[in-house]
Amino acid sequence: MADFSKQWCDQNDPDMPYDFDVIEEFKKLSEDHYIPMICEGYGFLGILNDKGECKVLIDDKWILFDDVINNYDLPF
């Protein structure tokens, strides 16, 4: 089953129901911890709290989530 984040749905298909909210999941994480979580829309495999910054795992690289939602210099 494909999972899509609230942020991806808000940007790409506002009528589509989302499966999880990246920011809410990030807020649950202790610093320097991550949770495996897939977003088929953005193509990430996990969410990391990196010293208070929200990062997601894309192509074996942790990328700032703000860069992902703003399409900034993505590796794909």
PDB file of N, CA and C in Angstrom:
ATOM      1  N   MET A   1       0.834  -1.175   0.000  1.00  0.00           N
ATOM      2  CA  MET A   1       0.000   0.000   0.000  1.00  0.00           C
ATOM      3  C   MET A   1       0.884   1.245   0.000  1.00  0.00           C
ATOM      4  N   ALA A   2       0.578   2.191  -0.823  1.00  0.00           N
ATOM      5  CA  ALA A   2       1.334   3.432  -0.908  1.00  0.00           C
ATOM      6  C   ALA A   2       0.881   4.399   0.184  1.00  0.00           C
ATOM      7  N   ASP A   3       1.849   5.052   0.811  1.00  0.00           N
ATOM      8  CA  ASP A   3       1.564   6.053   1.834  1.00  0.00           C
ATOM      9  C   ASP A   3       2.014   7.420   1.335  1.00  0.00           C
ATOM     10  N   PHE A   4       1.224   8.420   1.644  1.00  0.00           N
ATOM     11  CA  PHE A   4       1.521   9.780   1.220  1.00  0.00           C
ATOM     12  C   PHE A   4       1.404  10.709   2.420  1.00  0.00           C
ATOM     13  N   SER A   5       2.355  11.640   2.524  1.00  0.00           N
ATOM     14  CA  SER A   5       2.352  12.589   3.639  1.00  0.00           C
ATOM     15  C   SER A   5       1.337  13.711   3.399  1.00  0.00           C
ATOM     16  N   LYS A   6       0.940  14.337   4.494  1.00  0.00           N
ATOM     17  CA  LYS A   6       0.038  15.480   4.427  1.00  0.00           C
ATOM     18  C   LYS A   6       0.641  16.569   3.544  1.00  0.00           C
ATOM     19  N   GLN A   7       1.925  16.802   3.701  1.00  0.00           N
ATOM     20  CA  GLN A   7       2.579  17.864   2.952  1.00  0.00           C
ATOM     21  C   GLN A   7       2.568  17.585   1.448  1.00  0.00           C
ATOM     22  N   TRP A   8       2.791  16.337   1.049  1.00  0.00           N
ATOM     23  CA  TRP A   8       2.767  16.007  -0.377  1.00  0.00           C
ATOM     24  C   TRP A   8       1.343  16.189  -0.914  1.00  0.00           C
ATOM     25  N   CYS A   9       0.360  15.703  -0.176  1.00  0.00           N
ATOM     26  CA  CYS A   9      -1.028  15.836  -0.620  1.00  0.00           C
ATOM     27  C   CYS A   9      -1.426  17.298  -0.721  1.00  0.00           C
ATOM     28  N   ASP A  10      -1.036  18.112   0.266  1.00  0.00           N
ATOM     29  CA  ASP A  10      -1.375  19.538   0.226  1.00  0.00           C
ATOM     30  C   ASP A  10      -0.804  20.204  -1.022  1.00  0.00           C
ATOM     31  N   GLN A  11       0.401  19.820  -1.418  1.00  0.00           N
ATOM     32  CA  GLN A  11       1.052  20.427  -2.583  1.00  0.00           C
ATOM     33  C   GLN A  11       0.537  19.886  -3.911  1.00  0.00           C
ATOM     34  N   ASN A  12       0.187  18.609  -3.950  1.00  0.00           N
ATOM     35  CA  ASN A  12      -0.051  17.949  -5.226  1.00  0.00           C
ATOM     36  C   ASN A  12      -1.482  17.489  -5.483  1.00  0.00           C
ATOM     37  N   ASP A  13      -2.216  17.166  -4.423  1.00  0.00           N
ATOM     38  CA  ASP A  13      -3.578  16.667  -4.592  1.00  0.00           C
ATOM     39  C   ASP A  13      -4.363  16.922  -3.302  1.00  0.00           C
ATOM     40  N   PRO A  14      -4.778  18.172  -3.081  1.00  0.00           N
ATOM     41  CA  PRO A  14      -5.432  18.533  -1.824  1.00  0.00           C
ATOM     42  C   PRO A  14      -6.671  17.719  -1.477  1.00  0.00           C
ATOM     43  N   ASP A  15      -7.310  17.103  -2.458  1.00  0.00           N
ATOM     44  CA  ASP A  15      -8.503  16.300  -2.176  1.00  0.00           C
ATOM     45  C   ASP A  15      -8.161  14.877  -1.737  1.00  0.00           C
ATOM     46  N   MET A  16      -6.898  14.495  -1.883  1.00  0.00           N
ATOM     47  CA  MET A  16      -6.473  13.139  -1.530  1.00  0.00           C
ATOM     48  C   MET A  16      -6.259  13.041  -0.018  1.00  0.00           C
ATOM     49  N   PRO A  17      -6.791  11.999   0.621  1.00  0.00           N
ATOM     50  CA  PRO A  17      -6.546  11.828   2.060  1.00  0.00           C
ATOM     51  C   PRO A  17      -5.094  11.419   2.302  1.00  0.00           C
ATOM     52  N   TYR A  18      -4.490  12.002   3.320  1.00  0.00           N
ATOM     53  CA  TYR A  18      -3.091  11.671   3.618  1.00  0.00           C
ATOM     54  C   TYR A  18      -3.015  10.590   4.693  1.00  0.00           C
ATOM     55  N   ASP A  19      -1.820   9.979   4.775  1.00  0.00           N
ATOM     56  CA  ASP A  19      -1.608   8.887   5.721  1.00  0.00           C
ATOM     57  C   ASP A  19      -0.889   9.322   7.000  1.00  0.00           C
ATOM     58  N   PHE A  20      -0.045  10.341   6.905  1.00  0.00           N
ATOM     59  CA  PHE A  20       0.693  10.827   8.068  1.00  0.00           C
ATOM     60  C   PHE A  20       1.160  12.257   7.792  1.00  0.00           C
ATOM     61  N   ASP A  21       1.504  12.956   8.857  1.00  0.00           N
ATOM     62  CA  ASP A  21       2.000  14.326   8.785  1.00  0.00           C
ATOM     63  C   ASP A  21       3.480  14.298   9.176  1.00  0.00           C
ATOM     64  N   VAL A  22       4.356  14.693   8.282  1.00  0.00           N
ATOM     65  CA  VAL A  22       5.800  14.646   8.534  1.00  0.00           C
ATOM     66  C   VAL A  22       6.154  15.445   9.786  1.00  0.00           C
ATOM     67  N   ILE A  23       5.611  16.644   9.912  1.00  0.00           N
ATOM     68  CA  ILE A  23       5.954  17.506  11.046  1.00  0.00           C
ATOM     69  C   ILE A  23       5.479  16.897  12.364  1.00  0.00           C
ATOM     70  N   GLU A  24       4.300  16.317  12.383  1.00  0.00           N
ATOM     71  CA  GLU A  24       3.812  15.677  13.610  1.00  0.00           C
ATOM     72  C   GLU A  24       4.681  14.481  13.990  1.00  0.00           C
ATOM     73  N   GLU A  25       5.092  13.704  13.018  1.00  0.00           N
ATOM     74  CA  GLU A  25       5.983  12.564  13.294  1.00  0.00           C
ATOM     75  C   GLU A  25       7.346  13.058  13.777  1.00  0.00           C
ATOM     76  N   PHE A  26       7.857  14.112  13.163  1.00  0.00           N
ATOM     77  CA  PHE A  26       9.138  14.703  13.558  1.00  0.00           C
ATOM     78  C   PHE A  26       9.080  15.168  15.019  1.00  0.00           C
ATOM     79  N   LYS A  27       7.985  15.803  15.409  1.00  0.00           N
ATOM     80  CA  LYS A  27       7.844  16.318  16.773  1.00  0.00           C
ATOM     81  C   LYS A  27       7.897  15.211  17.827  1.00  0.00           C
ATOM     82  N   LYS A  28       7.565  13.998  17.449  1.00  0.00           N
ATOM     83  CA  LYS A  28       7.584  12.864  18.382  1.00  0.00           C
ATOM     84  C   LYS A  28       8.997  12.330  18.618  1.00  0.00           C
ATOM     85  N   LEU A  29       9.935  12.698  17.736  1.00  0.00           N
ATOM     86  CA  LEU A  29      11.281  12.131  17.789  1.00  0.00           C
ATOM     87  C   LEU A  29      12.192  12.878  18.760  1.00  0.00           C
ATOM     88  N   SER A  30      12.966  12.128  19.511  1.00  0.00           N
ATOM     89  CA  SER A  30      14.025  12.723  20.305  1.00  0.00           C
ATOM     90  C   SER A  30      15.150  13.135  19.357  1.00  0.00           C
ATOM     91  N   GLU A  31      15.969  14.062  19.809  1.00  0.00           N
ATOM     92  CA  GLU A  31      17.080  14.524  18.978  1.00  0.00           C
ATOM     93  C   GLU A  31      17.979  13.355  18.582  1.00  0.00           C
ATOM     94  N   ASP A  32      18.406  13.352  17.335  1.00  0.00           N
ATOM     95  CA  ASP A  32      19.285  12.326  16.751  1.00  0.00           C
ATOM     96  C   ASP A  32      18.621  10.949  16.649  1.00  0.00           C
ATOM     97  N   HIS A  33      17.304  10.915  16.598  1.00  0.00           N
ATOM     98  CA  HIS A  33      16.566   9.674  16.374  1.00  0.00           C
ATOM     99  C   HIS A  33      15.772   9.792  15.073  1.00  0.00           C
ATOM    100  N   TYR A  34      15.476   8.625  14.500  1.00  0.00           N
ATOM    101  CA  TYR A  34      14.684   8.610  13.275  1.00  0.00           C
ATOM    102  C   TYR A  34      13.633   7.528  13.342  1.00  0.00           C
ATOM    103  N   ILE A  35      12.677   7.636  12.434  1.00  0.00           N
ATOM    104  CA  ILE A  35      11.640   6.620  12.306  1.00  0.00           C
ATOM    105  C   ILE A  35      11.562   6.223  10.830  1.00  0.00           C
ATOM    106  N   PRO A  36      11.559   4.924  10.548  1.00  0.00           N
ATOM    107  CA  PRO A  36      11.360   4.507   9.161  1.00  0.00           C
ATOM    108  C   PRO A  36       9.922   4.820   8.753  1.00  0.00           C
ATOM    109  N   MET A  37       9.762   5.590   7.714  1.00  0.00           N
ATOM    110  CA  MET A  37       8.435   5.967   7.246  1.00  0.00           C
ATOM    111  C   MET A  37       8.549   6.312   5.767  1.00  0.00           C
ATOM    112  N   ILE A  38       7.680   5.744   4.958  1.00  0.00           N
ATOM    113  CA  ILE A  38       7.757   5.927   3.513  1.00  0.00           C
ATOM    114  C   ILE A  38       6.698   6.919   3.045  1.00  0.00           C
ATOM    115  N   CYS A  39       7.142   7.852   2.205  1.00  0.00           N
ATOM    116  CA  CYS A  39       6.216   8.725   1.481  1.00  0.00           C
ATOM    117  C   CYS A  39       6.462   8.466   0.004  1.00  0.00           C
ATOM    118  N   GLU A  40       5.503   7.833  -0.646  1.00  0.00           N
ATOM    119  CA  GLU A  40       5.643   7.525  -2.071  1.00  0.00           C
ATOM    120  C   GLU A  40       5.713   8.797  -2.915  1.00  0.00           C
ATOM    121  N   GLY A  41       5.041   9.848  -2.490  1.00  0.00           N
ATOM    122  CA  GLY A  41       5.031  11.086  -3.252  1.00  0.00           C
ATOM    123  C   GLY A  41       6.404  11.737  -3.334  1.00  0.00           C
ATOM    124  N   TYR A  42       7.012  11.977  -2.176  1.00  0.00           N
ATOM    125  CA  TYR A  42       8.336  12.592  -2.151  1.00  0.00           C
ATOM    126  C   TYR A  42       9.450  11.571  -2.349  1.00  0.00           C
ATOM    127  N   GLY A  43       9.151  10.308  -2.102  1.00  0.00           N
ATOM    128  CA  GLY A  43      10.148   9.267  -2.302  1.00  0.00           C
ATOM    129  C   GLY A  43      11.123   9.092  -1.151  1.00  0.00           C
ATOM    130  N   PHE A  44      10.698   9.430   0.061  1.00  0.00           N
ATOM    131  CA  PHE A  44      11.626   9.221   1.179  1.00  0.00           C
ATOM    132  C   PHE A  44      11.282   7.974   1.980  1.00  0.00           C
ATOM    133  N   LEU A  45      12.287   7.529   2.753  1.00  0.00           N
ATOM    134  CA  LEU A  45      12.166   6.270   3.494  1.00  0.00           C
ATOM    135  C   LEU A  45      12.209   6.436   5.004  1.00  0.00           C
ATOM    136  N   GLY A  46      12.453   7.635   5.491  1.00  0.00           N
ATOM    137  CA  GLY A  46      12.516   7.840   6.927  1.00  0.00           C
ATOM    138  C   GLY A  46      12.544   9.313   7.280  1.00  0.00           C
ATOM    139  N   ILE A  47      12.276   9.595   8.569  1.00  0.00           N
ATOM    140  CA  ILE A  47      12.273  10.952   9.099  1.00  0.00           C
ATOM    141  C   ILE A  47      13.260  10.985  10.257  1.00  0.00           C
ATOM    142  N   LEU A  48      14.117  12.020  10.286  1.00  0.00           N
ATOM    143  CA  LEU A  48      15.172  12.148  11.287  1.00  0.00           C
ATOM    144  C   LEU A  48      15.064  13.484  12.005  1.00  0.00           C
ATOM    145  N   ASN A  49      15.280  13.465  13.321  1.00  0.00           N
ATOM    146  CA  ASN A  49      15.464  14.693  14.079  1.00  0.00           C
ATOM    147  C   ASN A  49      16.972  14.876  14.217  1.00  0.00           C
ATOM    148  N   ASP A  50      17.548  15.721  13.383  1.00  0.00           N
ATOM    149  CA  ASP A  50      18.988  15.967  13.380  1.00  0.00           C
ATOM    150  C   ASP A  50      19.267  17.280  14.100  1.00  0.00           C
ATOM    151  N   LYS A  51      19.477  17.165  15.403  1.00  0.00           N
ATOM    152  CA  LYS A  51      19.742  18.335  16.242  1.00  0.00           C
ATOM    153  C   LYS A  51      18.662  19.407  16.076  1.00  0.00           C
ATOM    154  N   GLY A  52      17.410  18.956  16.021  1.00  0.00           N
ATOM    155  CA  GLY A  52      16.278  19.864  15.938  1.00  0.00           C
ATOM    156  C   GLY A  52      15.842  20.202  14.525  1.00  0.00           C
ATOM    157  N   GLU A  53      16.552  19.698  13.514  1.00  0.00           N
ATOM    158  CA  GLU A  53      16.167  19.926  12.127  1.00  0.00           C
ATOM    159  C   GLU A  53      15.502  18.671  11.575  1.00  0.00           C
ATOM    160  N   CYS A  54      14.416  18.866  10.847  1.00  0.00           N
ATOM    161  CA  CYS A  54      13.685  17.751  10.249  1.00  0.00           C
ATOM    162  C   CYS A  54      14.342  17.383   8.920  1.00  0.00           C
ATOM    163  N   LYS A  55      14.795  16.132   8.835  1.00  0.00           N
ATOM    164  CA  LYS A  55      15.393  15.624   7.605  1.00  0.00           C
ATOM    165  C   LYS A  55      14.686  14.346   7.191  1.00  0.00           C
ATOM    166  N   VAL A  56      14.735  14.058   5.887  1.00  0.00           N
ATOM    167  CA  VAL A  56      14.154  12.820   5.364  1.00  0.00           C
ATOM    168  C   VAL A  56      15.208  12.091   4.539  1.00  0.00           C
ATOM    169  N   LEU A  57      15.078  10.774   4.480  1.00  0.00           N
ATOM    170  CA  LEU A  57      16.053   9.925   3.795  1.00  0.00           C
ATOM    171  C   LEU A  57      15.614   9.669   2.359  1.00  0.00           C
ATOM    172  N   ILE A  58      16.406  10.210   1.413  1.00  0.00           N
ATOM    173  CA  ILE A  58      16.157  10.012  -0.015  1.00  0.00           C
ATOM    174  C   ILE A  58      17.467   9.559  -0.654  1.00  0.00           C
ATOM    175  N   ASP A  59      17.423   8.437  -1.357  1.00  0.00           N
ATOM    176  CA  ASP A  59      18.622   7.929  -2.042  1.00  0.00           C
ATOM    177  C   ASP A  59      19.827   7.861  -1.115  1.00  0.00           C
ATOM    178  N   ASP A  60      19.643   7.301   0.065  1.00  0.00           N
ATOM    179  CA  ASP A  60      20.714   7.118   1.055  1.00  0.00           C
ATOM    180  C   ASP A  60      21.323   8.424   1.556  1.00  0.00           C
ATOM    181  N   LYS A  61      20.591   9.542   1.441  1.00  0.00           N
ATOM    182  CA  LYS A  61      21.071  10.829   1.930  1.00  0.00           C
ATOM    183  C   LYS A  61      19.988  11.480   2.780  1.00  0.00           C
ATOM    184  N   TRP A  62      20.405  12.044   3.915  1.00  0.00           N
ATOM    185  CA  TRP A  62      19.477  12.792   4.758  1.00  0.00           C
ATOM    186  C   TRP A  62      19.407  14.214   4.230  1.00  0.00           C
ATOM    187  N   ILE A  63      18.222  14.653   3.857  1.00  0.00           N
ATOM    188  CA  ILE A  63      17.997  15.955   3.231  1.00  0.00           C
ATOM    189  C   ILE A  63      17.004  16.738   4.083  1.00  0.00           C
ATOM    190  N   LEU A  64      17.271  18.031   4.257  1.00  0.00           N
ATOM    191  CA  LEU A  64      16.335  18.872   4.997  1.00  0.00           C
ATOM    192  C   LEU A  64      14.950  18.785   4.367  1.00  0.00           C
ATOM    193  N   PHE A  65      13.947  18.563   5.195  1.00  0.00           N
ATOM    194  CA  PHE A  65      12.596  18.438   4.672  1.00  0.00           C
ATOM    195  C   PHE A  65      12.145  19.722   3.992  1.00  0.00           C
ATOM    196  N   ASP A  66      12.551  20.879   4.511  1.00  0.00           N
ATOM    197  CA  ASP A  66      12.203  22.145   3.856  1.00  0.00           C
ATOM    198  C   ASP A  66      12.719  22.182   2.422  1.00  0.00           C
ATOM    199  N   ASP A  67      13.908  21.647   2.178  1.00  0.00           N
ATOM    200  CA  ASP A  67      14.453  21.600   0.818  1.00  0.00           C
ATOM    201  C   ASP A  67      13.619  20.683  -0.073  1.00  0.00           C
ATOM    202  N   VAL A  68      13.130  19.606   0.502  1.00  0.00           N
ATOM    203  CA  VAL A  68      12.321  18.666  -0.272  1.00  0.00           C
ATOM    204  C   VAL A  68      11.004  19.313  -0.689  1.00  0.00           C
ATOM    205  N   ILE A  69      10.319  19.943   0.253  1.00  0.00           N
ATOM    206  CA  ILE A  69       9.018  20.515  -0.099  1.00  0.00           C
ATOM    207  C   ILE A  69       9.148  21.744  -0.985  1.00  0.00           C
ATOM    208  N   ASN A  70      10.338  22.333  -1.014  1.00  0.00           N
ATOM    209  CA  ASN A  70      10.583  23.482  -1.892  1.00  0.00           C
ATOM    210  C   ASN A  70      11.337  23.065  -3.154  1.00  0.00           C
ATOM    211  N   ASN A  71      11.487  21.747  -3.379  1.00  0.00           N
ATOM    212  CA  ASN A  71      12.169  21.197  -4.560  1.00  0.00           C
ATOM    213  C   ASN A  71      13.572  21.759  -4.744  1.00  0.00           C
ATOM    214  N   TYR A  72      14.262  21.978  -3.658  1.00  0.00           N
ATOM    215  CA  TYR A  72      15.587  22.560  -3.707  1.00  0.00           C
ATOM    216  C   TYR A  72      16.659  21.488  -3.900  1.00  0.00           C
ATOM    217  N   ASP A  73      17.322  21.489  -5.021  1.00  0.00           N
ATOM    218  CA  ASP A  73      18.508  20.671  -5.275  1.00  0.00           C
ATOM    219  C   ASP A  73      18.341  19.212  -4.855  1.00  0.00           C
ATOM    220  N   LEU A  74      17.272  18.580  -5.294  1.00  0.00           N
ATOM    221  CA  LEU A  74      17.044  17.192  -4.939  1.00  0.00           C
ATOM    222  C   LEU A  74      17.961  16.278  -5.743  1.00  0.00           C
ATOM    223  N   PRO A  75      18.352  15.152  -5.162  1.00  0.00           N
ATOM    224  CA  PRO A  75      19.323  14.266  -5.823  1.00  0.00           C
ATOM    225  C   PRO A  75      18.733  13.409  -6.935  1.00  0.00           C
ATOM    226  N   PHE A  76      17.469  13.542  -7.240  1.00  0.00           N
ATOM    227  CA  PHE A  76      16.885  12.706  -8.282  1.00  0.00           C
ATOM    228  C   PHE A  76      16.315  13.545  -9.396  1.00  0.00           C
TER     229      PHE A  76
END
